[in-house]
Amino acid sequence: MFRFHKRYFLLSFSLLLVEILIALYVRDEFIRPYFGDFLAVIWLYCTLKAFVNLPVKVAATCVLLFAYALETAQHFQLVKVLGLSHSRFFNVLIGNRFEWVDMAAYTLGIATVILLEGWKKKTPAKTSTGA
């Protein structure tokens, strides 16, 4: 079940760098709030697949349910309920504002993963001809 997959790890690391750059330098009304959420589930998927050997749909479903759970926690103001609203770290980690459009961004991110994984599976592997 557990294994290290170099390609997913490199994708995960690259996406994490993009997410950090977005968080630090992008101050807009689309890229940071929505595209960041779209990329976040793809990053989580790649991170999971880098270390755990799961079928695509199982891994994608787990990540999507986790993202939905976090967004639901925001709806119920979990950070405030836990008395952590003073902590910038937990406000960023868990979030503090529920939005339906975030749920859509998560769903589109995972749909993209499933489409890309399906496309990858149908694409024949390149072979060396030795020429």
N, C-alpha and C. Protein backbone atom coordinates (compact mmCIF):
# COMPACT_ATOMS: atom_id res chain seq x y z
N MET A 1 0.82 -1.20 0.00
CA MET A 1 0.00 0.00 0.00
C MET A 1 0.87 1.26 0.00
N PHE A 2 1.88 1.30 0.86
CA PHE A 2 2.76 2.46 0.88
C PHE A 2 3.90 2.26 -0.09
N ARG A 3 4.22 3.31 -0.81
CA ARG A 3 5.36 3.30 -1.72
C ARG A 3 5.68 4.75 -2.09
N PHE A 4 6.90 4.95 -2.57
CA PHE A 4 7.31 6.29 -2.99
C PHE A 4 7.26 6.36 -4.51
N HIS A 5 6.53 7.36 -5.01
CA HIS A 5 6.40 7.56 -6.45
C HIS A 5 7.01 8.92 -6.79
N LYS A 6 8.16 8.87 -7.43
CA LYS A 6 8.95 10.08 -7.69
C LYS A 6 8.20 11.13 -8.51
N ARG A 7 7.50 10.73 -9.56
CA ARG A 7 6.80 11.69 -10.42
C ARG A 7 5.72 12.46 -9.66
N TYR A 8 4.91 11.74 -8.88
CA TYR A 8 3.89 12.43 -8.10
C TYR A 8 4.53 13.34 -7.04
N PHE A 9 5.65 12.89 -6.47
CA PHE A 9 6.34 13.71 -5.47
C PHE A 9 6.83 15.02 -6.10
N LEU A 10 7.42 14.94 -7.29
CA LEU A 10 7.91 16.15 -7.96
C LEU A 10 6.75 17.07 -8.35
N LEU A 11 5.65 16.49 -8.80
CA LEU A 11 4.46 17.30 -9.10
C LEU A 11 3.94 17.97 -7.83
N SER A 12 3.90 17.22 -6.75
CA SER A 12 3.44 17.76 -5.48
C SER A 12 4.31 18.92 -5.02
N PHE A 13 5.61 18.72 -5.09
CA PHE A 13 6.55 19.76 -4.68
C PHE A 13 6.40 21.01 -5.55
N SER A 14 6.26 20.83 -6.85
CA SER A 14 6.08 21.95 -7.77
C SER A 14 4.79 22.71 -7.48
N LEU A 15 3.71 21.97 -7.26
CA LEU A 15 2.43 22.61 -6.96
C LEU A 15 2.48 23.35 -5.62
N LEU A 16 3.19 22.78 -4.65
CA LEU A 16 3.35 23.45 -3.36
C LEU A 16 4.07 24.79 -3.55
N LEU A 17 5.10 24.81 -4.36
CA LEU A 17 5.82 26.06 -4.63
C LEU A 17 4.90 27.09 -5.29
N VAL A 18 4.09 26.64 -6.25
CA VAL A 18 3.14 27.55 -6.90
C VAL A 18 2.14 28.09 -5.89
N GLU A 19 1.62 27.23 -5.03
CA GLU A 19 0.66 27.66 -4.00
C GLU A 19 1.29 28.69 -3.05
N ILE A 20 2.54 28.46 -2.66
CA ILE A 20 3.23 29.40 -1.78
C ILE A 20 3.42 30.74 -2.48
N LEU A 21 3.82 30.71 -3.74
CA LEU A 21 3.99 31.96 -4.50
C LEU A 21 2.67 32.71 -4.63
N ILE A 22 1.59 31.97 -4.89
CA ILE A 22 0.27 32.61 -4.97
C ILE A 22 -0.08 33.25 -3.63
N ALA A 23 0.12 32.52 -2.54
CA ALA A 23 -0.21 33.03 -1.21
C ALA A 23 0.60 34.28 -0.85
N LEU A 24 1.86 34.29 -1.25
CA LEU A 24 2.74 35.41 -0.88
C LEU A 24 2.61 36.63 -1.78
N TYR A 25 2.35 36.42 -3.07
CA TYR A 25 2.47 37.53 -4.01
C TYR A 25 1.22 37.90 -4.80
N VAL A 26 0.20 37.07 -4.78
CA VAL A 26 -0.99 37.37 -5.59
C VAL A 26 -2.09 37.93 -4.70
N ARG A 27 -2.54 39.11 -5.06
CA ARG A 27 -3.62 39.78 -4.33
C ARG A 27 -4.71 40.18 -5.33
N ASP A 28 -5.49 39.22 -5.72
CA ASP A 28 -6.56 39.50 -6.68
C ASP A 28 -7.85 38.84 -6.22
N GLU A 29 -8.83 38.86 -7.08
CA GLU A 29 -10.13 38.30 -6.71
C GLU A 29 -10.45 37.01 -7.45
N PHE A 30 -9.46 36.44 -8.16
CA PHE A 30 -9.70 35.16 -8.83
C PHE A 30 -8.59 34.14 -8.57
N ILE A 31 -7.35 34.47 -8.93
CA ILE A 31 -6.25 33.52 -8.83
C ILE A 31 -6.10 33.00 -7.40
N ARG A 32 -5.93 33.91 -6.46
CA ARG A 32 -5.68 33.47 -5.09
C ARG A 32 -6.87 32.71 -4.48
N PRO A 33 -8.06 33.27 -4.52
CA PRO A 33 -9.14 32.56 -3.83
C PRO A 33 -9.67 31.32 -4.55
N TYR A 34 -9.75 31.35 -5.87
CA TYR A 34 -10.41 30.24 -6.57
C TYR A 34 -9.42 29.31 -7.27
N PHE A 35 -8.49 29.86 -8.03
CA PHE A 35 -7.50 29.01 -8.68
C PHE A 35 -6.62 28.34 -7.63
N GLY A 36 -6.36 29.03 -6.53
CA GLY A 36 -5.60 28.44 -5.42
C GLY A 36 -6.30 27.22 -4.85
N ASP A 37 -7.62 27.30 -4.70
CA ASP A 37 -8.40 26.15 -4.21
C ASP A 37 -8.40 25.02 -5.24
N PHE A 38 -8.52 25.37 -6.50
CA PHE A 38 -8.47 24.40 -7.59
C PHE A 38 -7.14 23.63 -7.54
N LEU A 39 -6.03 24.37 -7.40
CA LEU A 39 -4.71 23.74 -7.34
C LEU A 39 -4.49 22.98 -6.03
N ALA A 40 -5.11 23.44 -4.95
CA ALA A 40 -4.89 22.81 -3.64
C ALA A 40 -5.30 21.34 -3.64
N VAL A 41 -6.43 21.02 -4.26
CA VAL A 41 -6.86 19.61 -4.27
C VAL A 41 -5.98 18.78 -5.20
N ILE A 42 -5.48 19.39 -6.25
CA ILE A 42 -4.55 18.68 -7.14
C ILE A 42 -3.25 18.41 -6.39
N TRP A 43 -2.79 19.40 -5.63
CA TRP A 43 -1.59 19.23 -4.80
C TRP A 43 -1.78 18.11 -3.77
N LEU A 44 -2.93 18.12 -3.08
CA LEU A 44 -3.21 17.07 -2.10
C LEU A 44 -3.25 15.69 -2.75
N TYR A 45 -3.86 15.61 -3.91
CA TYR A 45 -3.93 14.34 -4.65
C TYR A 45 -2.52 13.84 -4.98
N CYS A 46 -1.69 14.72 -5.54
CA CYS A 46 -0.32 14.33 -5.90
C CYS A 46 0.48 13.93 -4.67
N THR A 47 0.28 14.63 -3.56
CA THR A 47 0.97 14.29 -2.32
C THR A 47 0.55 12.91 -1.84
N LEU A 48 -0.74 12.64 -1.85
CA LEU A 48 -1.24 11.32 -1.44
C LEU A 48 -0.68 10.22 -2.35
N LYS A 49 -0.75 10.44 -3.66
CA LYS A 49 -0.28 9.43 -4.62
C LYS A 49 1.24 9.24 -4.56
N ALA A 50 1.97 10.24 -4.07
CA ALA A 50 3.42 10.12 -3.96
C ALA A 50 3.82 9.07 -2.93
N PHE A 51 2.95 8.84 -1.95
CA PHE A 51 3.31 7.95 -0.84
C PHE A 51 2.38 6.75 -0.65
N VAL A 52 1.19 6.79 -1.23
CA VAL A 52 0.22 5.72 -1.03
C VAL A 52 -0.25 5.21 -2.39
N ASN A 53 -0.23 3.90 -2.56
CA ASN A 53 -0.64 3.28 -3.81
C ASN A 53 -2.15 3.03 -3.76
N LEU A 54 -2.90 3.99 -4.26
CA LEU A 54 -4.36 3.88 -4.32
C LEU A 54 -4.82 4.05 -5.75
N PRO A 55 -5.95 3.43 -6.12
CA PRO A 55 -6.52 3.69 -7.43
C PRO A 55 -6.89 5.17 -7.56
N VAL A 56 -6.87 5.67 -8.78
CA VAL A 56 -7.13 7.08 -9.05
C VAL A 56 -8.44 7.55 -8.41
N LYS A 57 -9.52 6.83 -8.67
CA LYS A 57 -10.83 7.29 -8.18
C LYS A 57 -10.92 7.26 -6.65
N VAL A 58 -10.27 6.30 -6.02
CA VAL A 58 -10.27 6.23 -4.55
C VAL A 58 -9.49 7.42 -3.98
N ALA A 59 -8.29 7.66 -4.50
CA ALA A 59 -7.48 8.78 -4.02
C ALA A 59 -8.19 10.11 -4.27
N ALA A 60 -8.76 10.27 -5.46
CA ALA A 60 -9.46 11.51 -5.82
C ALA A 60 -10.67 11.74 -4.90
N THR A 61 -11.41 10.68 -4.62
CA THR A 61 -12.59 10.80 -3.74
C THR A 61 -12.17 11.16 -2.32
N CYS A 62 -11.11 10.55 -1.83
CA CYS A 62 -10.61 10.86 -0.48
C CYS A 62 -10.21 12.33 -0.37
N VAL A 63 -9.49 12.81 -1.36
CA VAL A 63 -9.05 14.22 -1.34
C VAL A 63 -10.26 15.15 -1.43
N LEU A 64 -11.19 14.84 -2.30
CA LEU A 64 -12.37 15.70 -2.45
C LEU A 64 -13.20 15.73 -1.16
N LEU A 65 -13.40 14.58 -0.53
CA LEU A 65 -14.15 14.54 0.73
C LEU A 65 -13.42 15.31 1.83
N PHE A 66 -12.10 15.23 1.86
CA PHE A 66 -11.31 16.00 2.83
C PHE A 66 -11.50 17.50 2.60
N ALA A 67 -11.43 17.92 1.33
CA ALA A 67 -11.62 19.34 1.01
C ALA A 67 -13.02 19.80 1.39
N TYR A 68 -14.02 18.99 1.09
CA TYR A 68 -15.39 19.31 1.47
C TYR A 68 -15.52 19.42 3.00
N ALA A 69 -14.86 18.51 3.71
CA ALA A 69 -14.92 18.54 5.19
C ALA A 69 -14.30 19.82 5.73
N LEU A 70 -13.19 20.25 5.15
CA LEU A 70 -12.58 21.51 5.60
C LEU A 70 -13.50 22.69 5.33
N GLU A 71 -14.11 22.70 4.17
CA GLU A 71 -15.02 23.80 3.83
C GLU A 71 -16.24 23.79 4.76
N THR A 72 -16.72 22.59 5.09
CA THR A 72 -17.83 22.47 6.02
C THR A 72 -17.42 22.96 7.41
N ALA A 73 -16.19 22.67 7.81
CA ALA A 73 -15.67 23.17 9.09
C ALA A 73 -15.65 24.69 9.10
N GLN A 74 -15.38 25.29 7.96
CA GLN A 74 -15.42 26.75 7.86
C GLN A 74 -16.84 27.26 8.06
N HIS A 75 -17.80 26.54 7.48
CA HIS A 75 -19.20 26.93 7.63
C HIS A 75 -19.61 26.96 9.11
N PHE A 76 -19.12 26.00 9.86
CA PHE A 76 -19.45 25.92 11.29
C PHE A 76 -18.44 26.65 12.17
N GLN A 77 -17.58 27.45 11.52
CA GLN A 77 -16.60 28.31 12.21
C GLN A 77 -15.76 27.52 13.22
N LEU A 78 -15.19 26.42 12.75
CA LEU A 78 -14.40 25.54 13.61
C LEU A 78 -13.25 26.27 14.30
N VAL A 79 -12.58 27.16 13.58
CA VAL A 79 -11.46 27.89 14.18
C VAL A 79 -11.94 28.68 15.40
N LYS A 80 -13.08 29.31 15.28
CA LYS A 80 -13.65 30.09 16.38
C LYS A 80 -14.11 29.17 17.52
N VAL A 81 -14.77 28.08 17.17
CA VAL A 81 -15.26 27.11 18.16
C VAL A 81 -14.11 26.54 18.98
N LEU A 82 -12.97 26.29 18.33
CA LEU A 82 -11.81 25.75 19.03
C LEU A 82 -11.01 26.82 19.78
N GLY A 83 -11.45 28.06 19.68
CA GLY A 83 -10.76 29.15 20.36
C GLY A 83 -9.43 29.52 19.71
N LEU A 84 -9.32 29.29 18.40
CA LEU A 84 -8.07 29.55 17.70
C LEU A 84 -8.15 30.73 16.73
N SER A 85 -9.20 31.53 16.86
CA SER A 85 -9.38 32.61 15.90
C SER A 85 -8.27 33.67 15.95
N HIS A 86 -7.52 33.72 17.03
CA HIS A 86 -6.40 34.66 17.13
C HIS A 86 -5.18 34.18 16.35
N SER A 87 -5.18 32.90 15.96
CA SER A 87 -4.03 32.29 15.30
C SER A 87 -4.12 32.43 13.78
N ARG A 88 -3.20 33.19 13.20
CA ARG A 88 -3.16 33.33 11.74
C ARG A 88 -2.92 31.96 11.09
N PHE A 89 -2.08 31.13 11.70
CA PHE A 89 -1.77 29.82 11.18
C PHE A 89 -3.04 28.98 10.99
N PHE A 90 -3.87 28.89 12.03
CA PHE A 90 -5.08 28.06 11.94
C PHE A 90 -6.14 28.71 11.06
N ASN A 91 -6.17 30.02 10.99
CA ASN A 91 -7.09 30.69 10.08
C ASN A 91 -6.74 30.39 8.63
N VAL A 92 -5.44 30.27 8.34
CA VAL A 92 -5.02 29.94 6.98
C VAL A 92 -5.18 28.44 6.74
N LEU A 93 -4.77 27.61 7.69
CA LEU A 93 -4.81 26.16 7.54
C LEU A 93 -6.24 25.64 7.37
N ILE A 94 -7.12 26.02 8.27
CA ILE A 94 -8.50 25.53 8.24
C ILE A 94 -9.39 26.46 7.43
N GLY A 95 -9.10 27.74 7.51
CA GLY A 95 -9.94 28.73 6.84
C GLY A 95 -11.05 29.18 7.77
N ASN A 96 -11.67 30.28 7.41
CA ASN A 96 -12.71 30.81 8.28
C ASN A 96 -13.91 31.39 7.54
N ARG A 97 -13.98 31.14 6.22
CA ARG A 97 -15.11 31.68 5.47
C ARG A 97 -15.61 30.65 4.46
N PHE A 98 -16.79 30.14 4.69
CA PHE A 98 -17.40 29.16 3.79
C PHE A 98 -17.90 29.85 2.52
N GLU A 99 -17.62 29.22 1.38
CA GLU A 99 -18.15 29.72 0.10
C GLU A 99 -18.46 28.53 -0.79
N TRP A 100 -19.63 28.54 -1.38
CA TRP A 100 -20.02 27.47 -2.29
C TRP A 100 -19.09 27.40 -3.49
N VAL A 101 -18.59 28.54 -3.93
CA VAL A 101 -17.71 28.55 -5.09
C VAL A 101 -16.40 27.81 -4.80
N ASP A 102 -15.99 27.75 -3.54
CA ASP A 102 -14.82 26.95 -3.17
C ASP A 102 -15.10 25.47 -3.40
N MET A 103 -16.31 25.04 -3.06
CA MET A 103 -16.70 23.65 -3.30
C MET A 103 -16.62 23.33 -4.79
N ALA A 104 -17.06 24.29 -5.62
CA ALA A 104 -16.99 24.12 -7.07
C ALA A 104 -15.53 24.03 -7.52
N ALA A 105 -14.67 24.87 -6.97
CA ALA A 105 -13.24 24.85 -7.34
C ALA A 105 -12.62 23.50 -6.98
N TYR A 106 -12.95 22.96 -5.80
CA TYR A 106 -12.44 21.65 -5.40
C TYR A 106 -12.92 20.57 -6.37
N THR A 107 -14.19 20.63 -6.70
CA THR A 107 -14.79 19.65 -7.60
C THR A 107 -14.14 19.71 -8.98
N LEU A 108 -13.94 20.92 -9.50
CA LEU A 108 -13.29 21.07 -10.80
C LEU A 108 -11.84 20.60 -10.76
N GLY A 109 -11.15 20.84 -9.65
CA GLY A 109 -9.78 20.38 -9.51
C GLY A 109 -9.69 18.87 -9.56
N ILE A 110 -10.56 18.20 -8.84
CA ILE A 110 -10.55 16.73 -8.83
C ILE A 110 -11.04 16.18 -10.16
N ALA A 111 -12.00 16.84 -10.79
CA ALA A 111 -12.44 16.41 -12.13
C ALA A 111 -11.28 16.50 -13.11
N THR A 112 -10.47 17.54 -12.99
CA THR A 112 -9.28 17.69 -13.84
C THR A 112 -8.30 16.55 -13.60
N VAL A 113 -8.09 16.21 -12.34
CA VAL A 113 -7.20 15.08 -12.00
C VAL A 113 -7.69 13.80 -12.66
N ILE A 114 -8.97 13.50 -12.52
CA ILE A 114 -9.53 12.27 -13.08
C ILE A 114 -9.40 12.26 -14.60
N LEU A 115 -9.67 13.41 -15.23
CA LEU A 115 -9.53 13.49 -16.69
C LEU A 115 -8.08 13.30 -17.13
N LEU A 116 -7.15 13.95 -16.45
CA LEU A 116 -5.74 13.82 -16.80
C LEU A 116 -5.22 12.41 -16.56
N GLU A 117 -5.64 11.80 -15.47
CA GLU A 117 -5.21 10.43 -15.18
C GLU A 117 -5.79 9.46 -16.22
N GLY A 118 -7.03 9.68 -16.63
CA GLY A 118 -7.63 8.85 -17.67
C GLY A 118 -6.93 9.04 -19.00
N TRP A 119 -6.57 10.27 -19.33
CA TRP A 119 -5.86 10.57 -20.56
C TRP A 119 -4.48 9.94 -20.54
N LYS A 120 -3.80 10.03 -19.39
CA LYS A 120 -2.47 9.44 -19.23
C LYS A 120 -2.52 7.93 -19.45
N LYS A 121 -3.56 7.30 -18.93
CA LYS A 121 -3.69 5.84 -19.04
C LYS A 121 -3.91 5.42 -20.50
N LYS A 122 -4.61 6.26 -21.29
CA LYS A 122 -4.90 5.92 -22.69
C LYS A 122 -3.73 6.23 -23.63
N THR A 123 -2.82 7.11 -23.20
CA THR A 123 -1.68 7.47 -24.02
C THR A 123 -0.64 6.37 -23.96
N PRO A 124 -0.26 5.81 -25.11
CA PRO A 124 0.74 4.73 -25.09
C PRO A 124 2.09 5.27 -24.63
N ALA A 125 2.79 4.44 -23.89
CA ALA A 125 4.12 4.82 -23.39
C ALA A 125 5.09 4.91 -24.55
N LYS A 126 5.97 5.91 -24.49
CA LYS A 126 6.99 6.05 -25.53
C LYS A 126 8.04 4.98 -25.35
N THR A 127 8.43 4.36 -26.44
CA THR A 127 9.48 3.35 -26.36
C THR A 127 10.68 3.82 -27.15
N SER A 128 11.82 3.40 -26.72
CA SER A 128 13.07 3.75 -27.39
C SER A 128 13.27 2.82 -28.58
N THR A 129 13.58 3.37 -29.73
CA THR A 129 13.80 2.55 -30.92
C THR A 129 15.27 2.21 -31.09
N GLY A 130 16.12 2.85 -30.29
CA GLY A 130 17.53 2.55 -30.36
C GLY A 130 18.22 3.16 -31.57
N ALA A 131 17.55 4.07 -32.25
CA ALA A 131 18.12 4.67 -33.47
C ALA A 131 19.15 5.69 -33.21
